[in-house]
């Protein structure tokens, strides 16, 4: 199957899974062990059936980390990570995103929590298709890349292009997956 076919199937399967279950992403000890006061953790506001990274973000805040959220200006401009106070209102962005105001301070993330449509055991990630996160992974190569997904989003294998950047780990409601 090509990437667009996998995306369509997995979005449908994910939406069905989410409609039938109430689960929360687990916060593994390996994630907690990595957190340090002062680190910058990029989270995101889930859309549709995306897994909610809130449990991981809460753990980061409790450890003294700063939370940033992605800011998207359109299909081509690079993803920026902007400071976000958990009490601050978010603004509407392109593609139905909720994001910090453009005037918020830009930060370099130490950890990037990333949404995805599908993943495989090699920690390849299939995103929405615009390449925002793959470009962000290249821009911040030192950042620890963690996919946040439902366990049912795992597939046997994904086609990987030269620009696809694999993850370091994946957090689901059931497992913590690493290489």
Protein backbone atom coordinates (compact mmCIF):
# COMPACT_ATOMS: atom_id res chain seq x y z
CA UNK A 1 0.00 0.00 0.00
CA UNK A 2 1.15 3.53 -0.64
CA UNK A 3 1.30 6.17 2.09
CA UNK A 4 -1.99 7.86 1.17
CA UNK A 5 -3.86 4.53 1.22
CA UNK A 6 -2.35 3.67 4.60
CA UNK A 7 -3.32 7.11 5.94
CA UNK A 8 -6.93 6.74 4.81
CA UNK A 9 -7.30 3.24 6.29
CA UNK A 10 -5.57 4.09 9.56
CA UNK A 11 -7.57 7.30 10.09
CA UNK A 12 -10.80 5.33 9.67
CA UNK A 13 -9.59 2.53 11.99
CA UNK A 14 -8.31 5.04 14.55
CA UNK A 15 -11.59 6.97 14.60
CA UNK A 16 -13.51 3.73 15.16
CA UNK A 17 -11.12 2.72 17.96
CA UNK A 18 -11.47 6.11 19.67
CA UNK A 19 -15.28 6.02 19.38
CA UNK A 20 -15.39 2.65 21.15
CA UNK A 21 -12.87 3.15 23.93
CA UNK A 22 -11.84 5.63 26.62
CA UNK A 23 -8.14 5.23 27.19
CA UNK A 24 -5.24 7.41 28.17
CA UNK A 25 -1.63 7.34 27.05
CA UNK A 26 0.55 5.64 29.67
CA UNK A 27 3.45 7.56 31.21
CA UNK A 28 6.35 5.08 31.30
CA UNK A 29 9.16 5.24 33.81
CA UNK A 30 11.66 5.55 30.96
CA UNK A 31 10.02 8.85 30.00
CA UNK A 32 9.97 10.10 33.59
CA UNK A 33 13.65 9.18 33.99
CA UNK A 34 14.54 11.36 31.00
CA UNK A 35 12.84 14.49 32.36
CA UNK A 36 14.95 17.17 34.03
CA UNK A 37 14.08 20.57 35.40
CA UNK A 38 14.52 23.17 32.67
CA UNK A 39 14.11 20.92 29.63
CA UNK A 40 11.85 22.12 26.83
CA UNK A 41 9.18 19.59 25.83
CA UNK A 42 7.19 20.08 22.63
CA UNK A 43 3.67 18.74 22.96
CA UNK A 44 0.62 19.27 20.71
CA UNK A 45 -3.14 19.69 20.86
CA UNK A 46 -4.71 16.54 19.40
CA UNK A 47 -7.08 16.71 16.46
CA UNK A 48 -9.73 14.16 15.62
CA UNK A 49 -8.71 10.72 16.85
CA UNK A 50 -5.07 11.57 17.58
CA UNK A 51 -3.77 10.24 20.87
CA UNK A 52 -3.71 12.95 23.53
CA UNK A 53 -0.18 13.64 24.86
CA UNK A 54 -1.54 15.43 27.98
CA UNK A 55 -0.41 12.75 30.48
CA UNK A 56 3.16 13.06 29.19
CA UNK A 57 3.01 16.86 29.12
CA UNK A 58 1.64 16.96 32.71
CA UNK A 59 4.50 14.74 33.86
CA UNK A 60 6.95 17.11 32.14
CA UNK A 61 5.41 20.16 33.85
CA UNK A 62 5.57 18.38 37.23
CA UNK A 63 9.29 17.73 36.58
CA UNK A 64 9.88 21.44 35.94
CA UNK A 65 10.00 21.33 32.15
CA UNK A 66 8.78 24.10 29.87
CA UNK A 67 6.01 23.15 27.44
CA UNK A 68 6.01 24.45 23.90
CA UNK A 69 3.49 23.80 21.16
CA UNK A 70 3.89 23.70 17.39
CA UNK A 71 2.98 26.76 15.39
CA UNK A 72 2.17 26.24 11.73
CA UNK A 73 1.95 29.16 9.30
CA UNK A 74 0.95 27.07 6.28
CA UNK A 75 1.89 24.03 4.22
CA UNK A 76 5.46 25.05 3.35
CA UNK A 77 6.89 27.22 6.17
CA UNK A 78 8.77 25.26 8.83
CA UNK A 79 7.11 24.22 12.05
CA UNK A 80 8.10 26.49 14.94
CA UNK A 81 7.83 25.57 18.60
CA UNK A 82 6.43 28.42 20.67
CA UNK A 83 6.27 28.84 24.44
CA UNK A 84 2.90 28.10 25.97
CA UNK A 85 1.63 28.78 29.45
CA UNK A 86 -0.94 26.08 30.16
CA UNK A 87 -3.42 28.81 31.14
CA UNK A 88 -2.94 30.85 27.95
CA UNK A 89 -5.59 30.78 25.27
CA UNK A 90 -4.70 29.18 21.97
CA UNK A 91 -5.47 30.68 18.58
CA UNK A 92 -6.86 29.03 15.47
CA UNK A 93 -4.24 28.00 12.97
CA UNK A 94 -4.29 26.45 9.50
CA UNK A 95 -5.63 22.91 9.05
CA UNK A 96 -7.87 23.30 12.14
CA UNK A 97 -4.90 23.49 14.54
CA UNK A 98 -4.98 25.17 17.95
CA UNK A 99 -1.65 26.86 18.61
CA UNK A 100 0.04 29.63 20.58
CA UNK A 101 -0.14 33.17 19.24
CA UNK A 102 2.59 33.99 16.74
CA UNK A 103 4.06 36.48 19.23
CA UNK A 104 4.96 33.76 21.78
CA UNK A 105 8.67 33.08 22.25
CA UNK A 106 10.27 30.50 19.99
CA UNK A 107 12.17 27.66 21.71
CA UNK A 108 14.38 24.73 20.69
CA UNK A 109 12.83 21.52 22.04
CA UNK A 110 14.79 18.88 23.93
CA UNK A 111 11.95 16.37 23.59
CA UNK A 112 9.36 16.33 20.80
CA UNK A 113 6.05 14.55 21.41
CA UNK A 114 4.65 13.96 17.96
CA UNK A 115 1.28 12.83 16.64
CA UNK A 116 1.11 10.22 13.93
CA UNK A 117 -1.28 8.24 11.77
CA UNK A 118 0.64 4.94 11.84
CA UNK A 119 3.96 3.49 13.03
CA UNK A 120 5.91 0.26 12.69
CA UNK A 121 8.32 -1.74 14.87
CA UNK A 122 11.30 0.03 13.27
CA UNK A 123 9.83 3.27 14.72
CA UNK A 124 9.02 4.70 11.33
CA UNK A 125 6.21 7.23 11.58
CA UNK A 126 3.53 8.08 9.06
CA UNK A 127 2.24 11.59 9.68
CA UNK A 128 -0.39 13.74 8.01
CA UNK A 129 1.71 14.09 4.88
CA UNK A 130 2.93 17.69 4.92
CA UNK A 131 6.39 16.82 6.31
CA UNK A 132 6.29 19.42 9.11
CA UNK A 133 7.58 17.07 11.80
CA UNK A 134 10.22 15.43 9.59
CA UNK A 135 11.63 18.90 8.84
CA UNK A 136 11.49 19.77 12.55
CA UNK A 137 13.38 16.56 13.40
CA UNK A 138 16.13 17.61 10.99
CA UNK A 139 16.17 21.14 12.42
CA UNK A 140 16.47 19.81 15.99
CA UNK A 141 18.56 16.63 15.61
CA UNK A 142 19.43 16.55 19.33
CA UNK A 143 15.76 16.33 20.36
CA UNK A 144 14.41 13.02 21.68
CA UNK A 145 11.59 12.09 19.25
CA UNK A 146 8.61 10.35 20.85
CA UNK A 147 5.56 9.28 18.87
CA UNK A 148 2.27 9.37 20.76
CA UNK A 149 -0.27 6.88 19.40
CA UNK A 150 -2.87 4.27 20.13
CA UNK A 151 -1.53 0.70 20.06
CA UNK A 152 -3.88 -0.14 17.18
CA UNK A 153 -1.97 2.34 14.98
CA UNK A 154 0.97 -0.06 14.71
CA UNK A 155 1.32 -1.70 11.30
CA UNK A 156 3.69 -4.40 10.09
CA UNK A 157 5.80 -2.01 8.05
CA UNK A 158 5.69 1.44 6.50
CA UNK A 159 7.24 2.69 3.28
CA UNK A 160 10.03 5.07 4.28
CA UNK A 161 11.33 7.82 2.03
CA UNK A 162 14.80 9.38 2.31
CA UNK A 163 13.36 12.40 4.20
CA UNK A 164 11.49 10.32 6.79
CA UNK A 165 13.13 10.50 10.20
CA UNK A 166 12.47 7.56 12.57
CA UNK A 167 11.44 8.07 16.17
CA UNK A 168 13.40 7.18 19.30
CA UNK A 169 10.35 5.80 21.12
CA UNK A 170 6.57 5.49 20.97
CA UNK A 171 4.16 5.86 23.88
CA UNK A 172 0.77 4.15 23.62
CA UNK A 173 -1.97 3.35 26.10
CA UNK A 174 -0.41 -0.11 26.49
CA UNK A 175 3.30 0.02 25.72
CA UNK A 176 6.52 1.99 25.61
CA UNK A 177 8.26 0.96 22.42
CA UNK A 178 11.95 1.58 21.72
CA UNK A 179 14.55 0.04 19.45
